[in-house]
């Protein structure tokens, strides 16, 4: 889908309604603009995760979670090396 829009004297553009709908953009949403080579750009919505999925945790909980993730990563690396025929 392509649309032609006009740049205002303030440098603003209006994203047409059908494109906003297709991209799921609502008033107040933010977009990022990435400039490509030449005179091309990509406009993408900035998607933020909902705040209610986050949990407040103290440092001890965070450290334990990171330590457990490291253990799992080490186990995956050992399995990969073993599958490749490389021993510790």
Protein backbone atom coordinates (compact mmCIF):
# COMPACT_ATOMS: atom_id res chain seq x y z
CA UNK A 1 0.00 0.00 0.00
CA UNK A 2 1.30 3.43 -0.90
CA UNK A 3 -0.07 6.90 -0.36
CA UNK A 4 1.05 10.35 -1.33
CA UNK A 5 0.98 13.01 1.40
CA UNK A 6 2.02 16.64 1.59
CA UNK A 7 4.64 18.02 4.00
CA UNK A 8 3.36 21.06 5.92
CA UNK A 9 5.36 24.24 6.46
CA UNK A 10 6.23 22.83 9.91
CA UNK A 11 7.60 19.63 8.36
CA UNK A 12 4.59 17.56 9.46
CA UNK A 13 2.79 14.86 7.50
CA UNK A 14 -0.55 13.17 8.08
CA UNK A 15 -0.58 9.37 7.85
CA UNK A 16 -3.77 8.51 5.93
CA UNK A 17 -6.55 6.80 7.91
CA UNK A 18 -6.40 3.51 5.98
CA UNK A 19 -2.65 3.22 6.62
CA UNK A 20 -3.05 4.14 10.33
CA UNK A 21 -5.73 1.47 10.62
CA UNK A 22 -3.61 -1.15 8.85
CA UNK A 23 -0.60 -0.31 11.08
CA UNK A 24 -2.75 -0.24 14.23
CA UNK A 25 -1.84 3.38 15.01
CA UNK A 26 -3.99 5.35 17.44
CA UNK A 27 -3.79 8.99 18.55
CA UNK A 28 -0.81 9.45 20.87
CA UNK A 29 1.11 6.44 19.51
CA UNK A 30 4.74 7.00 18.63
CA UNK A 31 6.50 5.95 15.44
CA UNK A 32 10.14 5.75 14.50
CA UNK A 33 11.48 6.90 11.18
CA UNK A 34 14.55 5.19 9.77
CA UNK A 35 16.28 6.90 6.86
CA UNK A 36 17.64 4.49 4.27
CA UNK A 37 20.06 5.16 1.43
CA UNK A 38 19.11 7.98 -0.84
CA UNK A 39 15.78 9.62 -0.15
CA UNK A 40 13.92 6.63 1.32
CA UNK A 41 12.60 6.14 4.84
CA UNK A 42 10.71 3.52 6.82
CA UNK A 43 8.02 4.48 9.33
CA UNK A 44 7.33 1.89 12.04
CA UNK A 45 5.18 1.98 15.17
CA UNK A 46 7.07 1.88 18.46
CA UNK A 47 5.60 -1.02 20.38
CA UNK A 48 5.99 -0.92 24.15
CA UNK A 49 5.15 -3.96 26.25
CA UNK A 50 2.24 -3.47 28.64
CA UNK A 51 3.43 -2.31 32.07
CA UNK A 52 1.34 -4.91 33.92
CA UNK A 53 3.57 -7.77 32.69
CA UNK A 54 6.50 -6.48 34.73
CA UNK A 55 7.10 -7.49 38.32
CA UNK A 56 9.04 -5.45 40.83
CA UNK A 57 11.82 -7.60 42.21
CA UNK A 58 14.59 -6.96 44.67
CA UNK A 59 18.25 -7.43 43.80
CA UNK A 60 18.40 -10.93 45.32
CA UNK A 61 15.60 -12.18 43.06
CA UNK A 62 17.22 -10.61 40.02
CA UNK A 63 20.65 -12.09 40.85
CA UNK A 64 19.14 -15.56 41.34
CA UNK A 65 17.30 -15.34 38.02
CA UNK A 66 20.46 -14.25 36.20
CA UNK A 67 22.51 -17.02 37.84
CA UNK A 68 19.91 -19.61 36.78
CA UNK A 69 19.90 -18.27 33.21
CA UNK A 70 23.72 -18.54 33.13
CA UNK A 71 23.52 -22.18 34.29
CA UNK A 72 21.05 -22.98 31.53
CA UNK A 73 23.26 -21.30 28.94
CA UNK A 74 26.31 -23.24 30.14
CA UNK A 75 24.37 -26.51 29.92
CA UNK A 76 23.31 -25.70 26.34
CA UNK A 77 26.90 -24.92 25.38
CA UNK A 78 28.16 -28.20 26.93
CA UNK A 79 25.49 -30.18 25.02
CA UNK A 80 26.43 -28.42 21.77
CA UNK A 81 30.13 -29.18 22.27
CA UNK A 82 29.34 -32.79 23.14
CA UNK A 83 27.19 -33.14 20.00
CA UNK A 84 30.05 -31.72 17.95
CA UNK A 85 32.39 -34.30 19.46
CA UNK A 86 34.33 -31.81 21.55
CA UNK A 87 34.92 -32.84 25.17
CA UNK A 88 35.55 -30.52 28.13
